[in-house]
Amino acid sequence: MLKVQEIRELIKLVDQSNIDEFEYEHEGSKIKMKKKGNEAAVVQQVQPAAVQALAPAPQPVQPAAVKVEEPQTEAPAQAPALQAETAEDLHKIVSPMVGTFYQSSSPDADVYVKAGSKVSNDSIVCIVEAMKLFNEIEAEVNGEIVEVLVKDGQLVEYGQPLFLVKPE
């Protein structure tokens, strides 16, 4: 089974290439990606009967594929100084899947990070629960958390920004 990060890398590679269709199968797991113009479809099939789509919902879902368009996010209302810094200097940690955002490993545990926390590229910053699986999300950048953009227990979409990080 491929890890979420590996699937994200495959999506980037297919998106940047001239390949229109890509299929990968290993030990009963199957990933199939198709792109047509600005639209792309990505399907991960874990078992023959179960299909998991990796896409920024809310898009209409067909039985075998999901149309994916570039996620359009609106900047939250912030102070003008932070907006200027966000556009140029800050790195966004985004959700790699649709699921529920959790700031800690359990309700009584301390949060992984908060505004002002220092992170390295392999620091765990949160958990996104999808299909009863708890997926640890890493920072993927060295720096300082500037802002947490979602609340604990909130549903998040694929590609939705979760944290703003000032890279070092």
C-alpha atoms as a PDB file:
ATOM      1  CA  MET A   1       0.000   0.000   0.000  1.00  0.00           C
ATOM      2  CA  LEU A   2       1.405   3.387  -0.965  1.00  0.00           C
ATOM      3  CA  LYS A   3       1.706   6.124   1.633  1.00  0.00           C
ATOM      4  CA  VAL A   4      -0.177   9.389   1.162  1.00  0.00           C
ATOM      5  CA  GLN A   5       3.079  11.257   0.501  1.00  0.00           C
ATOM      6  CA  GLU A   6       4.014   8.779  -2.243  1.00  0.00           C
ATOM      7  CA  ILE A   7       0.603   9.215  -3.887  1.00  0.00           C
ATOM      8  CA  ARG A   8       0.996  13.006  -3.737  1.00  0.00           C
ATOM      9  CA  GLU A   9       4.398  12.712  -5.441  1.00  0.00           C
ATOM     10  CA  LEU A  10       2.903  10.501  -8.173  1.00  0.00           C
ATOM     11  CA  ILE A  11       0.140  13.053  -8.772  1.00  0.00           C
ATOM     12  CA  LYS A  12       2.719  15.848  -9.103  1.00  0.00           C
ATOM     13  CA  LEU A  13       4.857  13.816 -11.503  1.00  0.00           C
ATOM     14  CA  VAL A  14       1.909  12.868 -13.730  1.00  0.00           C
ATOM     15  CA  ASP A  15       0.620  16.446 -13.641  1.00  0.00           C
ATOM     16  CA  GLN A  16       4.004  17.851 -14.751  1.00  0.00           C
ATOM     17  CA  SER A  17       4.537  15.242 -17.464  1.00  0.00           C
ATOM     18  CA  ASN A  18       3.038  14.720 -20.912  1.00  0.00           C
ATOM     19  CA  ILE A  19       1.434  11.481 -19.717  1.00  0.00           C
ATOM     20  CA  ASP A  20      -2.362  11.474 -20.062  1.00  0.00           C
ATOM     21  CA  GLU A  21      -2.975   8.244 -18.145  1.00  0.00           C
ATOM     22  CA  PHE A  22      -1.076   6.379 -15.420  1.00  0.00           C
ATOM     23  CA  GLU A  23      -1.936   3.086 -13.717  1.00  0.00           C
ATOM     24  CA  TYR A  24      -0.119   1.321 -10.863  1.00  0.00           C
ATOM     25  CA  GLU A  25      -1.058  -2.037  -9.340  1.00  0.00           C
ATOM     26  CA  HIS A  26       0.669  -3.848  -6.454  1.00  0.00           C
ATOM     27  CA  GLU A  27      -0.585  -6.553  -4.044  1.00  0.00           C
ATOM     28  CA  GLY A  28      -4.282  -5.908  -4.684  1.00  0.00           C
ATOM     29  CA  SER A  29      -3.942  -2.111  -4.495  1.00  0.00           C
ATOM     30  CA  LYS A  30      -4.533  -0.142  -7.661  1.00  0.00           C
ATOM     31  CA  ILE A  31      -4.047   3.532  -8.475  1.00  0.00           C
ATOM     32  CA  LYS A  32      -5.240   4.971 -11.761  1.00  0.00           C
ATOM     33  CA  MET A  33      -4.775   8.599 -12.840  1.00  0.00           C
ATOM     34  CA  LYS A  34      -6.121  10.243 -15.978  1.00  0.00           C
ATOM     35  CA  LYS A  35      -5.868  13.820 -17.129  1.00  0.00           C
ATOM     36  CA  LYS A  36      -7.670  15.610 -19.902  1.00  0.00           C
ATOM     37  CA  GLY A  37      -6.791  19.283 -20.398  1.00  0.00           C
ATOM     38  CA  ASN A  38      -7.183  20.980 -17.015  1.00  0.00           C
ATOM     39  CA  GLU A  39      -9.208  18.122 -15.549  1.00  0.00           C
ATOM     40  CA  ALA A  40      -7.677  15.086 -13.888  1.00  0.00           C
ATOM     41  CA  ALA A  41      -9.152  11.975 -12.322  1.00  0.00           C
ATOM     42  CA  VAL A  42      -7.405  10.055  -9.551  1.00  0.00           C
ATOM     43  CA  VAL A  43      -8.718   6.804  -8.142  1.00  0.00           C
ATOM     44  CA  GLN A  44      -7.082   4.533  -5.589  1.00  0.00           C
ATOM     45  CA  GLN A  45      -8.596   1.088  -5.383  1.00  0.00           C
ATOM     46  CA  VAL A  46      -7.531  -0.745  -2.225  1.00  0.00           C
ATOM     47  CA  GLN A  47      -9.619  -3.860  -2.846  1.00  0.00           C
ATOM     48  CA  PRO A  48     -11.611  -4.710  -5.968  1.00  0.00           C
ATOM     49  CA  ALA A  49     -14.876  -3.636  -4.284  1.00  0.00           C
ATOM     50  CA  ALA A  50     -13.643  -0.524  -2.466  1.00  0.00           C
ATOM     51  CA  VAL A  51     -12.811   2.695  -4.276  1.00  0.00           C
ATOM     52  CA  GLN A  52     -11.277   5.703  -2.534  1.00  0.00           C
ATOM     53  CA  ALA A  53     -11.133   8.948  -4.472  1.00  0.00           C
ATOM     54  CA  LEU A  54      -8.478  11.556  -3.757  1.00  0.00           C
ATOM     55  CA  ALA A  55     -10.046  14.827  -4.776  1.00  0.00           C
ATOM     56  CA  PRO A  56     -11.057  18.211  -3.451  1.00  0.00           C
ATOM     57  CA  ALA A  57     -14.746  17.567  -2.819  1.00  0.00           C
ATOM     58  CA  PRO A  58     -17.502  18.836  -3.278  1.00  0.00           C
ATOM     59  CA  GLN A  59     -17.523  17.602  -6.842  1.00  0.00           C
ATOM     60  CA  PRO A  60     -20.071  15.162  -8.273  1.00  0.00           C
ATOM     61  CA  VAL A  61     -18.764  11.629  -7.790  1.00  0.00           C
ATOM     62  CA  GLN A  62     -19.126   9.014 -10.496  1.00  0.00           C
ATOM     63  CA  PRO A  63     -18.740   5.329  -9.571  1.00  0.00           C
ATOM     64  CA  ALA A  64     -15.117   5.027 -10.768  1.00  0.00           C
ATOM     65  CA  ALA A  65     -13.613   8.520 -10.901  1.00  0.00           C
ATOM     66  CA  VAL A  66     -13.732  12.035  -9.560  1.00  0.00           C
ATOM     67  CA  LYS A  67     -13.113  15.175 -11.615  1.00  0.00           C
ATOM     68  CA  VAL A  68     -10.441  17.285  -9.986  1.00  0.00           C
ATOM     69  CA  GLU A  69     -10.080  20.994 -10.543  1.00  0.00           C
ATOM     70  CA  GLU A  70      -7.508  23.311  -9.024  1.00  0.00           C
ATOM     71  CA  PRO A  71      -8.640  24.059  -5.462  1.00  0.00           C
ATOM     72  CA  GLN A  72      -9.758  27.636  -5.071  1.00  0.00           C
ATOM     73  CA  THR A  73      -9.346  28.897  -1.553  1.00  0.00           C
ATOM     74  CA  GLU A  74     -10.202  32.302  -0.246  1.00  0.00           C
ATOM     75  CA  ALA A  75      -7.828  34.016   2.162  1.00  0.00           C
ATOM     76  CA  PRO A  76      -9.364  34.317   5.631  1.00  0.00           C
ATOM     77  CA  ALA A  77      -9.826  37.812   7.003  1.00  0.00           C
ATOM     78  CA  GLN A  78      -6.485  38.737   8.556  1.00  0.00           C
ATOM     79  CA  ALA A  79      -4.564  41.830   9.498  1.00  0.00           C
ATOM     80  CA  PRO A  80      -3.050  43.544   6.414  1.00  0.00           C
ATOM     81  CA  ALA A  81       0.520  42.859   7.628  1.00  0.00           C
ATOM     82  CA  LEU A  82      -0.158  39.113   7.897  1.00  0.00           C
ATOM     83  CA  GLN A  83      -1.825  39.040   4.453  1.00  0.00           C
ATOM     84  CA  ALA A  84       1.255  40.612   2.869  1.00  0.00           C
ATOM     85  CA  GLU A  85       3.526  38.145   4.650  1.00  0.00           C
ATOM     86  CA  THR A  86       1.251  35.197   3.717  1.00  0.00           C
ATOM     87  CA  ALA A  87       1.369  35.886   0.015  1.00  0.00           C
ATOM     88  CA  GLU A  88       5.147  36.054  -0.177  1.00  0.00           C
ATOM     89  CA  ASP A  89       6.891  34.296   2.689  1.00  0.00           C
ATOM     90  CA  LEU A  90       4.646  31.702   4.311  1.00  0.00           C
ATOM     91  CA  HIS A  91       4.403  28.005   3.465  1.00  0.00           C
ATOM     92  CA  LYS A  92       0.987  26.343   3.644  1.00  0.00           C
ATOM     93  CA  ILE A  93       0.657  22.857   5.100  1.00  0.00           C
ATOM     94  CA  VAL A  94      -2.360  21.422   3.294  1.00  0.00           C
ATOM     95  CA  SER A  95      -4.555  18.416   3.936  1.00  0.00           C
ATOM     96  CA  PRO A  96      -3.580  15.463   1.723  1.00  0.00           C
ATOM     97  CA  MET A  97      -7.088  14.002   1.990  1.00  0.00           C
ATOM     98  CA  VAL A  98     -10.688  14.577   2.987  1.00  0.00           C
ATOM     99  CA  GLY A  99     -11.195  13.825   6.672  1.00  0.00           C
ATOM    100  CA  THR A 100     -11.446  15.136  10.227  1.00  0.00           C
ATOM    101  CA  PHE A 101      -8.669  17.368  11.595  1.00  0.00           C
ATOM    102  CA  TYR A 102      -7.277  16.658  15.069  1.00  0.00           C
ATOM    103  CA  GLN A 103      -4.622  18.785  16.826  1.00  0.00           C
ATOM    104  CA  SER A 104      -3.579  16.002  19.221  1.00  0.00           C
ATOM    105  CA  SER A 105      -3.340  12.210  19.378  1.00  0.00           C
ATOM    106  CA  SER A 106      -6.173  12.012  21.938  1.00  0.00           C
ATOM    107  CA  PRO A 107      -8.587  14.463  23.593  1.00  0.00           C
ATOM    108  CA  ASP A 108      -6.540  14.592  26.820  1.00  0.00           C
ATOM    109  CA  ALA A 109      -3.110  14.881  25.106  1.00  0.00           C
ATOM    110  CA  ASP A 110      -1.274  18.129  24.374  1.00  0.00           C
ATOM    111  CA  VAL A 111      -1.617  19.581  20.868  1.00  0.00           C
ATOM    112  CA  TYR A 112       1.169  18.715  18.413  1.00  0.00           C
ATOM    113  CA  VAL A 113       1.797  22.369  17.481  1.00  0.00           C
ATOM    114  CA  LYS A 114       0.328  25.819  18.048  1.00  0.00           C
ATOM    115  CA  ALA A 115       1.135  29.307  16.807  1.00  0.00           C
ATOM    116  CA  GLY A 116       4.778  29.997  17.670  1.00  0.00           C
ATOM    117  CA  SER A 117       5.848  26.316  17.678  1.00  0.00           C
ATOM    118  CA  LYS A 118       9.085  25.445  15.869  1.00  0.00           C
ATOM    119  CA  VAL A 119       8.817  22.546  13.400  1.00  0.00           C
ATOM    120  CA  SER A 120      11.202  20.531  11.268  1.00  0.00           C
ATOM    121  CA  ASN A 121      10.315  18.865   7.979  1.00  0.00           C
ATOM    122  CA  ASP A 122       9.483  15.555   9.718  1.00  0.00           C
ATOM    123  CA  SER A 123       7.582  17.051  12.694  1.00  0.00           C
ATOM    124  CA  ILE A 124       4.042  15.751  13.102  1.00  0.00           C
ATOM    125  CA  VAL A 125       1.701  18.751  13.143  1.00  0.00           C
ATOM    126  CA  CYS A 126      -1.723  17.068  13.264  1.00  0.00           C
ATOM    127  CA  ILE A 127      -3.791  13.997  12.442  1.00  0.00           C
ATOM    128  CA  VAL A 128      -6.386  13.725   9.684  1.00  0.00           C
ATOM    129  CA  GLU A 129      -8.821  10.863  10.222  1.00  0.00           C
ATOM    130  CA  ALA A 130     -10.177   9.318   7.031  1.00  0.00           C
ATOM    131  CA  MET A 131     -12.160   6.082   6.872  1.00  0.00           C
ATOM    132  CA  LYS A 132     -11.300   5.303  10.540  1.00  0.00           C
ATOM    133  CA  LEU A 133      -7.572   5.578   9.786  1.00  0.00           C
ATOM    134  CA  PHE A 134      -5.556   8.199  11.655  1.00  0.00           C
ATOM    135  CA  ASN A 135      -3.012   9.756   9.276  1.00  0.00           C
ATOM    136  CA  GLU A 136      -0.183  11.751  10.834  1.00  0.00           C
ATOM    137  CA  ILE A 137       0.559  14.897   8.817  1.00  0.00           C
ATOM    138  CA  GLU A 138       4.151  16.142   8.742  1.00  0.00           C
ATOM    139  CA  ALA A 139       5.276  19.760   8.375  1.00  0.00           C
ATOM    140  CA  GLU A 140       7.505  19.056   5.322  1.00  0.00           C
ATOM    141  CA  VAL A 141       9.339  22.333   6.021  1.00  0.00           C
ATOM    142  CA  ASN A 142      11.594  23.741   8.740  1.00  0.00           C
ATOM    143  CA  GLY A 143      10.194  26.846  10.378  1.00  0.00           C
ATOM    144  CA  GLU A 144       7.723  28.338  12.832  1.00  0.00           C
ATOM    145  CA  ILE A 145       3.940  27.869  12.893  1.00  0.00           C
ATOM    146  CA  VAL A 146       2.381  31.296  12.326  1.00  0.00           C
ATOM    147  CA  GLU A 147      -1.280  30.316  12.353  1.00  0.00           C
ATOM    148  CA  VAL A 148      -3.529  27.262  12.740  1.00  0.00           C
ATOM    149  CA  LEU A 149      -6.225  27.700  10.080  1.00  0.00           C
ATOM    150  CA  VAL A 150      -8.722  25.014  11.209  1.00  0.00           C
ATOM    151  CA  LYS A 151     -10.317  23.996  14.491  1.00  0.00           C
ATOM    152  CA  ASP A 152      -9.960  20.674  16.284  1.00  0.00           C
ATOM    153  CA  GLY A 153     -12.596  18.201  15.047  1.00  0.00           C
ATOM    154  CA  GLN A 154     -13.335  20.218  11.883  1.00  0.00           C
ATOM    155  CA  LEU A 155     -13.905  18.448   8.564  1.00  0.00           C
ATOM    156  CA  VAL A 156     -11.214  19.317   6.017  1.00  0.00           C
ATOM    157  CA  GLU A 157     -11.041  18.936   2.241  1.00  0.00           C
ATOM    158  CA  TYR A 158      -8.227  17.706   0.009  1.00  0.00           C
ATOM    159  CA  GLY A 159      -5.776  20.558  -0.551  1.00  0.00           C
ATOM    160  CA  GLN A 160      -7.279  22.750   2.196  1.00  0.00           C
ATOM    161  CA  PRO A 161      -4.618  24.791   4.041  1.00  0.00           C
ATOM    162  CA  LEU A 162      -4.275  23.676   7.679  1.00  0.00           C
ATOM    163  CA  PHE A 163      -1.286  25.718   8.914  1.00  0.00           C
ATOM    164  CA  LEU A 164       0.784  28.700   7.835  1.00  0.00           C
ATOM    165  CA  VAL A 165       4.529  28.251   8.472  1.00  0.00           C
ATOM    166  CA  LYS A 166       7.269  30.847   8.269  1.00  0.00           C
ATOM    167  CA  PRO A 167      10.176  28.856   6.725  1.00  0.00           C
ATOM    168  CA  GLU A 168      13.666  29.192   8.168  1.00  0.00           C
END
